[in-house]
């Protein structure tokens, strides 16, 4: 309502609730309210310090331990609602989340898509303790989360799990601050056991050749990633249909100032380094820089990866269009498929080539 109308309501003793309070109250009433109530009236301020937390649901929330999740263990609180869903509220601070300093766009620290995936995976792991995250489906970045003004609070909401035998599916969304706007979404599957690695046919590059730059020069001239995200060890070859490279795994202790416990579920530095290969391919063949917007599915076949992996990136691009698609296979030292990321979709732009120049000049 307008400010003038709000004053008239106040004179009449009617309390105006915010949009965020109203949205959360409606959701909670649908999920938790008595079905025989034909009319619901809220009076006075509503407690929405956590998503969905009204007077009806607050007493039913249970704190969930996060000791084995490196990101959620630090500056986060996880609760299980009465409907079985999980809510995580985490303060992301560049002083602790030091990886942000090495992932900047135009001088602004921005949350990497791969780190959003790890936040989601760790949240989903709380839904069925002891089970394994096996698939991250339809991960979408709707809005970028930037940190030019310091810390921000991220709310991750996991829906109640839908069970299907030895598997359960959970829908997740991330909100930032008090806006209640959705920044990222995904669906994650957890299972009682990790699936066996799939068989695969090694990538055969078309017209393979060496990268025209050394890896060090590529990070200096074409990539905008700092040392924490410099996970490309070697480019074996680049061709018209993809890239083959060696990538180094990372540990949470390198990415976070506070010493976290636990291992990554889906190593965000390794995944981000794979996405960097697409930037190198695009710079070589179309002189553009792509940014990822959507991942169709990450298939997880193994636990923590501790040795360098061979990454085979298959690229699909139609000449004259700004959209690029790619699939990635992560192959361990024994030749087994440790992970498969299919259906990356990114948007390319020559104007985005400036990102590397901005980092170098900074």
Protein backbone atom coordinates (compact mmCIF):
# COMPACT_ATOMS: atom_id res chain seq x y z
CA UNK A 1 0.00 0.00 0.00
CA UNK A 2 1.05 3.64 -0.28
CA UNK A 3 2.62 5.44 2.67
CA UNK A 4 -0.52 7.54 3.11
CA UNK A 5 -2.79 4.49 3.15
CA UNK A 6 -0.44 2.77 5.61
CA UNK A 7 -0.91 5.75 7.95
CA UNK A 8 -4.68 5.39 7.72
CA UNK A 9 -4.44 1.68 8.55
CA UNK A 10 -2.17 2.49 11.50
CA UNK A 11 -4.70 4.99 12.85
CA UNK A 12 -7.32 2.25 12.66
CA UNK A 13 -5.05 -0.14 14.57
CA UNK A 14 -4.38 -2.38 11.55
CA UNK A 15 -0.82 -3.70 11.26
CA UNK A 16 0.63 -3.87 7.72
CA UNK A 17 2.83 -6.89 7.11
CA UNK A 18 5.68 -6.88 4.60
CA UNK A 19 5.61 -8.79 1.33
CA UNK A 20 8.17 -11.21 2.71
CA UNK A 21 6.10 -11.82 5.86
CA UNK A 22 3.01 -12.36 3.76
CA UNK A 23 4.67 -14.82 1.37
CA UNK A 24 6.11 -16.89 4.19
CA UNK A 25 2.84 -16.87 6.13
CA UNK A 26 0.94 -18.16 3.07
CA UNK A 27 3.46 -20.94 2.46
CA UNK A 28 3.44 -22.00 6.10
CA UNK A 29 -0.35 -21.97 6.21
CA UNK A 30 -0.51 -24.23 3.15
CA UNK A 31 2.10 -26.62 4.52
CA UNK A 32 1.33 -26.56 8.23
CA UNK A 33 -2.09 -25.04 8.77
CA UNK A 34 -5.23 -26.99 9.77
CA UNK A 35 -7.17 -27.97 6.68
CA UNK A 36 -10.56 -27.37 8.29
CA UNK A 37 -9.90 -23.64 8.80
CA UNK A 38 -11.78 -21.70 6.14
CA UNK A 39 -10.37 -18.31 7.11
CA UNK A 40 -7.01 -17.33 8.57
CA UNK A 41 -6.24 -13.90 10.04
CA UNK A 42 -2.80 -12.73 11.14
CA UNK A 43 -2.53 -9.87 13.61
CA UNK A 44 0.61 -8.11 14.76
CA UNK A 45 4.20 -8.54 13.58
CA UNK A 46 5.20 -11.97 12.23
CA UNK A 47 8.48 -13.70 13.08
CA UNK A 48 10.23 -14.45 9.77
CA UNK A 49 13.84 -14.48 10.94
CA UNK A 50 14.08 -17.80 9.10
CA UNK A 51 12.17 -18.68 5.90
CA UNK A 52 8.79 -20.13 6.83
CA UNK A 53 9.23 -19.44 10.53
CA UNK A 54 5.94 -18.13 11.86
CA UNK A 55 4.39 -18.64 15.27
CA UNK A 56 2.84 -21.88 14.01
CA UNK A 57 6.05 -23.52 12.78
CA UNK A 58 8.84 -22.13 15.00
CA UNK A 59 8.27 -24.58 17.83
CA UNK A 60 8.55 -27.53 15.44
CA UNK A 61 12.03 -26.72 14.10
CA UNK A 62 14.98 -28.89 15.14
CA UNK A 63 18.61 -27.87 14.75
CA UNK A 64 20.50 -30.23 12.43
CA UNK A 65 24.23 -30.99 13.00
CA UNK A 66 26.51 -29.81 10.17
CA UNK A 67 29.85 -31.07 11.47
CA UNK A 68 30.79 -33.01 8.33
CA UNK A 69 29.84 -30.29 5.83
CA UNK A 70 32.75 -27.85 5.39
CA UNK A 71 30.74 -24.89 4.07
CA UNK A 72 27.73 -25.25 6.36
CA UNK A 73 29.82 -25.93 9.46
CA UNK A 74 31.07 -22.34 9.44
CA UNK A 75 28.71 -19.40 10.12
CA UNK A 76 25.58 -21.41 9.39
CA UNK A 77 22.53 -22.78 11.15
CA UNK A 78 20.55 -25.70 9.73
CA UNK A 79 17.07 -26.61 10.95
CA UNK A 80 14.63 -29.36 10.08
CA UNK A 81 11.04 -28.20 9.80
CA UNK A 82 8.04 -30.22 10.86
CA UNK A 83 7.31 -31.05 7.21
CA UNK A 84 10.75 -32.69 6.88
CA UNK A 85 12.32 -29.91 4.83
CA UNK A 86 15.70 -28.37 5.68
CA UNK A 87 16.52 -24.68 5.95
CA UNK A 88 20.08 -23.40 6.12
CA UNK A 89 20.92 -19.81 6.94
CA UNK A 90 24.58 -19.02 6.32
CA UNK A 91 26.52 -15.77 6.57
CA UNK A 92 28.92 -15.70 3.63
CA UNK A 93 31.78 -13.36 4.47
CA UNK A 94 34.75 -12.74 2.14
CA UNK A 95 36.93 -12.61 5.26
CA UNK A 96 36.21 -16.31 5.82
CA UNK A 97 35.10 -17.41 2.34
CA UNK A 98 38.48 -16.42 0.96
CA UNK A 99 37.81 -18.13 -2.38
CA UNK A 100 35.62 -15.12 -3.26
CA UNK A 101 38.69 -12.93 -3.65
CA UNK A 102 39.85 -15.21 -6.48
CA UNK A 103 36.53 -15.20 -8.34
CA UNK A 104 35.77 -11.61 -9.33
CA UNK A 105 33.82 -10.14 -12.21
CA UNK A 106 34.68 -6.53 -13.01
CA UNK A 107 36.39 -6.25 -9.64
CA UNK A 108 33.40 -7.60 -7.66
CA UNK A 109 33.62 -10.90 -5.74
CA UNK A 110 30.90 -13.19 -7.13
CA UNK A 111 29.77 -16.60 -5.86
CA UNK A 112 30.89 -19.26 -8.37
CA UNK A 113 28.27 -21.59 -9.79
CA UNK A 114 30.36 -24.55 -8.65
CA UNK A 115 30.30 -23.27 -5.06
CA UNK A 116 26.50 -22.89 -5.21
CA UNK A 117 26.39 -26.54 -6.28
CA UNK A 118 28.45 -27.53 -3.22
CA UNK A 119 26.21 -25.46 -0.90
CA UNK A 120 23.17 -27.26 -2.35
CA UNK A 121 24.81 -30.70 -2.15
CA UNK A 122 25.78 -30.21 1.51
CA UNK A 123 22.26 -29.04 2.35
CA UNK A 124 20.70 -32.04 0.59
CA UNK A 125 23.02 -34.39 2.50
CA UNK A 126 21.30 -33.29 5.72
CA UNK A 127 17.91 -34.56 4.50
CA UNK A 128 18.93 -38.23 4.79
CA UNK A 129 21.99 -38.42 7.09
CA UNK A 130 24.35 -41.19 6.02
CA UNK A 131 23.06 -41.25 2.45
CA UNK A 132 25.06 -40.08 -0.56
CA UNK A 133 24.44 -37.22 -2.96
CA UNK A 134 24.37 -38.93 -6.37
CA UNK A 135 22.83 -36.40 -8.79
CA UNK A 136 22.50 -32.62 -8.97
CA UNK A 137 19.91 -31.85 -11.63
CA UNK A 138 18.92 -28.65 -13.41
CA UNK A 139 21.16 -26.29 -11.46
CA UNK A 140 20.23 -22.77 -12.56
CA UNK A 141 21.80 -19.43 -11.76
CA UNK A 142 18.95 -16.92 -11.97
CA UNK A 143 20.86 -14.01 -10.43
CA UNK A 144 24.50 -13.58 -9.53
CA UNK A 145 25.39 -13.21 -5.84
CA UNK A 146 28.02 -10.48 -5.47
CA UNK A 147 29.88 -9.33 -2.36
CA UNK A 148 31.23 -5.89 -3.19
CA UNK A 149 29.75 -4.55 0.07
CA UNK A 150 30.99 -7.33 2.33
CA UNK A 151 29.13 -10.25 3.87
CA UNK A 152 25.67 -11.40 2.81
CA UNK A 153 23.24 -13.91 4.30
CA UNK A 154 22.18 -16.82 2.10
CA UNK A 155 19.10 -18.90 2.87
CA UNK A 156 18.97 -22.35 1.31
CA UNK A 157 15.60 -24.08 1.45
CA UNK A 158 15.32 -27.80 0.76
CA UNK A 159 11.82 -29.18 0.24
CA UNK A 160 10.62 -32.33 1.99
CA UNK A 161 12.18 -35.36 0.31
CA UNK A 162 10.16 -37.41 -2.15
CA UNK A 163 11.12 -41.05 -1.61
CA UNK A 164 11.43 -43.64 -4.38
CA UNK A 165 12.81 -46.89 -2.99
CA UNK A 166 16.46 -46.46 -2.08
CA UNK A 167 16.51 -42.89 -3.45
CA UNK A 168 15.06 -39.55 -2.41
CA UNK A 169 14.72 -36.32 -4.40
CA UNK A 170 14.90 -32.83 -2.91
CA UNK A 171 14.21 -29.46 -4.56
CA UNK A 172 16.41 -26.58 -3.42
CA UNK A 173 16.45 -22.84 -3.80
CA UNK A 174 18.75 -20.09 -2.54
CA UNK A 175 17.59 -16.67 -1.36
CA UNK A 176 19.81 -13.74 -0.39
CA UNK A 177 19.21 -11.22 2.37
CA UNK A 178 15.70 -10.08 3.18
CA UNK A 179 14.47 -9.78 -0.41
CA UNK A 180 13.13 -13.36 -0.62
CA UNK A 181 14.15 -13.33 -4.29
CA UNK A 182 15.29 -16.70 -5.61
CA UNK A 183 18.87 -16.60 -6.92
CA UNK A 184 19.57 -20.29 -7.64
CA UNK A 185 17.57 -23.52 -7.94
CA UNK A 186 18.30 -27.25 -8.35
CA UNK A 187 17.00 -30.73 -7.66
CA UNK A 188 19.24 -33.22 -5.88
CA UNK A 189 18.96 -36.97 -5.54
CA UNK A 190 20.39 -38.85 -2.57
CA UNK A 191 20.77 -42.62 -2.33
CA UNK A 192 21.76 -45.16 0.26
CA UNK A 193 24.77 -46.09 -1.92
CA UNK A 194 26.82 -44.42 -4.63
CA UNK A 195 26.16 -45.89 -8.09
CA UNK A 196 28.84 -47.88 -9.87
CA UNK A 197 30.90 -45.85 -12.39
CA UNK A 198 29.49 -45.82 -15.91
CA UNK A 199 31.45 -47.06 -18.89
CA UNK A 200 32.48 -44.41 -21.42
CA UNK A 201 34.17 -43.94 -24.77
CA UNK A 202 37.26 -41.70 -24.56
CA UNK A 203 36.91 -38.35 -26.31
CA UNK A 204 38.54 -38.22 -29.76
CA UNK A 205 39.41 -34.63 -30.54
CA UNK A 206 38.91 -33.29 -34.05
CA UNK A 207 42.07 -31.66 -35.39
CA UNK A 208 43.81 -31.64 -32.00
CA UNK A 209 46.55 -29.14 -31.30
CA UNK A 210 48.33 -27.62 -28.30
CA UNK A 211 46.86 -24.62 -26.50
CA UNK A 212 48.59 -21.57 -28.01
CA UNK A 213 49.45 -20.31 -24.49
CA UNK A 214 51.05 -21.94 -21.48
CA UNK A 215 48.66 -22.64 -18.61
CA UNK A 216 50.29 -19.83 -16.60
CA UNK A 217 49.83 -17.37 -19.46
CA UNK A 218 46.23 -18.52 -19.96
CA UNK A 219 45.45 -17.62 -16.35
CA UNK A 220 47.16 -14.28 -16.86
CA UNK A 221 45.61 -13.34 -20.21
CA UNK A 222 42.33 -15.23 -20.76
CA UNK A 223 40.96 -16.32 -17.38
CA UNK A 224 39.70 -14.14 -14.52
CA UNK A 225 40.38 -16.71 -11.77
CA UNK A 226 42.91 -16.20 -8.98
CA UNK A 227 45.28 -18.80 -7.48
CA UNK A 228 42.64 -20.64 -5.39
CA UNK A 229 40.71 -21.50 -8.57
CA UNK A 230 43.80 -22.16 -10.72
CA UNK A 231 43.09 -25.89 -10.91
CA UNK A 232 44.20 -26.54 -14.48
CA UNK A 233 47.50 -28.44 -14.30
CA UNK A 234 48.01 -29.23 -17.97
CA UNK A 235 46.20 -28.90 -21.28
CA UNK A 236 46.87 -32.12 -23.17
CA UNK A 237 45.22 -30.91 -26.36
CA UNK A 238 42.42 -28.72 -27.70
CA UNK A 239 40.31 -29.50 -30.75
CA UNK A 240 37.26 -28.37 -32.66
CA UNK A 241 35.01 -30.48 -30.44
CA UNK A 242 36.60 -30.06 -27.01
CA UNK A 243 39.51 -30.01 -24.61
CA UNK A 244 41.43 -32.68 -22.70
CA UNK A 245 43.24 -31.55 -19.54
CA UNK A 246 44.60 -32.55 -16.15
CA UNK A 247 42.91 -30.90 -13.15
CA UNK A 248 44.05 -30.75 -9.53
CA UNK A 249 41.64 -31.47 -6.65
CA UNK A 250 41.22 -28.96 -3.81
CA UNK A 251 40.53 -29.02 -0.09
CA UNK A 252 38.16 -26.88 2.01
CA UNK A 253 41.09 -25.60 4.09
CA UNK A 254 42.43 -23.74 1.06
CA UNK A 255 39.09 -22.05 0.39
CA UNK A 256 38.00 -21.11 3.93
CA UNK A 257 39.87 -19.09 6.56
CA UNK A 258 38.42 -21.09 9.45
CA UNK A 259 39.67 -24.67 9.51
CA UNK A 260 36.64 -26.72 8.43
CA UNK A 261 36.13 -30.42 8.99
CA UNK A 262 34.92 -32.83 6.34
CA UNK A 263 35.59 -33.18 2.62
CA UNK A 264 33.93 -31.65 -0.39
CA UNK A 265 31.00 -33.60 -1.78
CA UNK A 266 31.54 -32.19 -5.29
CA UNK A 267 34.90 -30.40 -5.38
CA UNK A 268 33.93 -26.84 -6.45
CA UNK A 269 37.46 -25.88 -7.54
CA UNK A 270 37.72 -28.96 -9.75
CA UNK A 271 34.30 -28.26 -11.29
CA UNK A 272 35.09 -24.57 -11.79
CA UNK A 273 38.41 -25.50 -13.40
CA UNK A 274 36.51 -27.71 -15.85
CA UNK A 275 34.28 -24.75 -16.73
CA UNK A 276 37.44 -22.71 -17.32
CA UNK A 277 38.36 -25.12 -20.11
CA UNK A 278 35.32 -23.88 -22.01
CA UNK A 279 36.57 -20.32 -21.70
CA UNK A 280 39.90 -21.41 -23.22
CA UNK A 281 38.10 -23.23 -26.04
CA UNK A 282 35.93 -20.19 -26.76
CA UNK A 283 38.90 -17.83 -26.79
CA UNK A 284 40.74 -20.06 -29.27
CA UNK A 285 37.87 -20.74 -31.67
CA UNK A 286 35.43 -17.80 -31.42
CA UNK A 287 37.37 -15.19 -29.38
CA UNK A 288 34.61 -14.88 -26.78
CA UNK A 289 34.21 -15.57 -23.07
CA UNK A 290 31.26 -17.68 -21.86
CA UNK A 291 29.60 -17.57 -18.43
CA UNK A 292 27.64 -20.62 -17.21
CA UNK A 293 23.92 -20.29 -16.57
CA UNK A 294 22.67 -23.86 -16.25
CA UNK A 295 23.93 -27.38 -15.57
CA UNK A 296 21.63 -30.22 -16.62
CA UNK A 297 23.08 -32.87 -14.28
CA UNK A 298 26.16 -33.76 -12.28
CA UNK A 299 26.43 -37.54 -11.81
CA UNK A 300 28.54 -38.47 -8.77
CA UNK A 301 30.17 -41.91 -8.70
CA UNK A 302 32.92 -41.49 -6.08
CA UNK A 303 33.68 -39.89 -2.75
CA UNK A 304 36.41 -37.31 -2.15
CA UNK A 305 38.91 -37.06 -5.02
CA UNK A 306 42.48 -36.60 -3.79
CA UNK A 307 44.58 -37.15 -6.92
CA UNK A 308 44.66 -35.15 -10.17
CA UNK A 309 41.95 -36.16 -12.65
CA UNK A 310 41.82 -36.28 -16.42
CA UNK A 311 39.00 -34.06 -17.65
CA UNK A 312 37.51 -34.62 -21.08
CA UNK A 313 35.36 -31.64 -22.09
CA UNK A 314 33.13 -32.09 -25.14
CA UNK A 315 32.01 -28.79 -26.67
CA UNK A 316 29.02 -28.09 -28.92
CA UNK A 317 28.63 -24.67 -30.53
CA UNK A 318 26.68 -23.49 -33.58
CA UNK A 319 28.59 -20.84 -35.48
CA UNK A 320 27.06 -17.39 -35.26
CA UNK A 321 25.17 -18.06 -32.00
CA UNK A 322 26.12 -16.92 -28.47
CA UNK A 323 25.12 -20.19 -26.75
CA UNK A 324 27.64 -22.90 -25.95
CA UNK A 325 26.99 -26.41 -24.60
CA UNK A 326 29.46 -28.82 -23.04
CA UNK A 327 29.77 -32.11 -21.17
CA UNK A 328 32.62 -33.07 -18.83
CA UNK A 329 33.98 -36.41 -17.69
CA UNK A 330 36.23 -36.58 -14.61
CA UNK A 331 38.42 -39.69 -14.81
CA UNK A 332 40.55 -40.86 -11.88
CA UNK A 333 44.06 -42.33 -11.93
CA UNK A 334 42.64 -45.85 -12.36
CA UNK A 335 40.66 -44.86 -15.43
CA UNK A 336 37.31 -44.92 -13.61
CA UNK A 337 34.65 -42.28 -14.08
CA UNK A 338 34.54 -40.31 -10.81
CA UNK A 339 32.00 -37.77 -12.04
CA UNK A 340 30.12 -36.74 -15.16
CA UNK A 341 28.78 -33.24 -15.69
CA UNK A 342 26.37 -33.11 -18.60
CA UNK A 343 24.56 -30.28 -20.26
CA UNK A 344 26.45 -27.14 -19.34
CA UNK A 345 24.79 -24.17 -20.99
CA UNK A 346 26.62 -20.87 -21.18
CA UNK A 347 26.28 -17.54 -22.95
CA UNK A 348 29.29 -16.20 -24.85
CA UNK A 349 30.19 -12.57 -25.43
CA UNK A 350 33.25 -10.84 -26.83
CA UNK A 351 32.59 -8.04 -24.34
CA UNK A 352 33.23 -10.51 -21.49
CA UNK A 353 36.86 -10.86 -22.62
CA UNK A 354 37.39 -7.77 -20.48
CA UNK A 355 37.01 -9.86 -17.31
CA UNK A 356 40.53 -11.23 -17.61
CA UNK A 357 41.88 -7.78 -18.38
CA UNK A 358 40.12 -6.34 -15.32
CA UNK A 359 41.69 -8.97 -13.05
CA UNK A 360 45.16 -8.47 -14.54
CA UNK A 361 44.99 -4.68 -14.16
CA UNK A 362 43.70 -5.04 -10.58
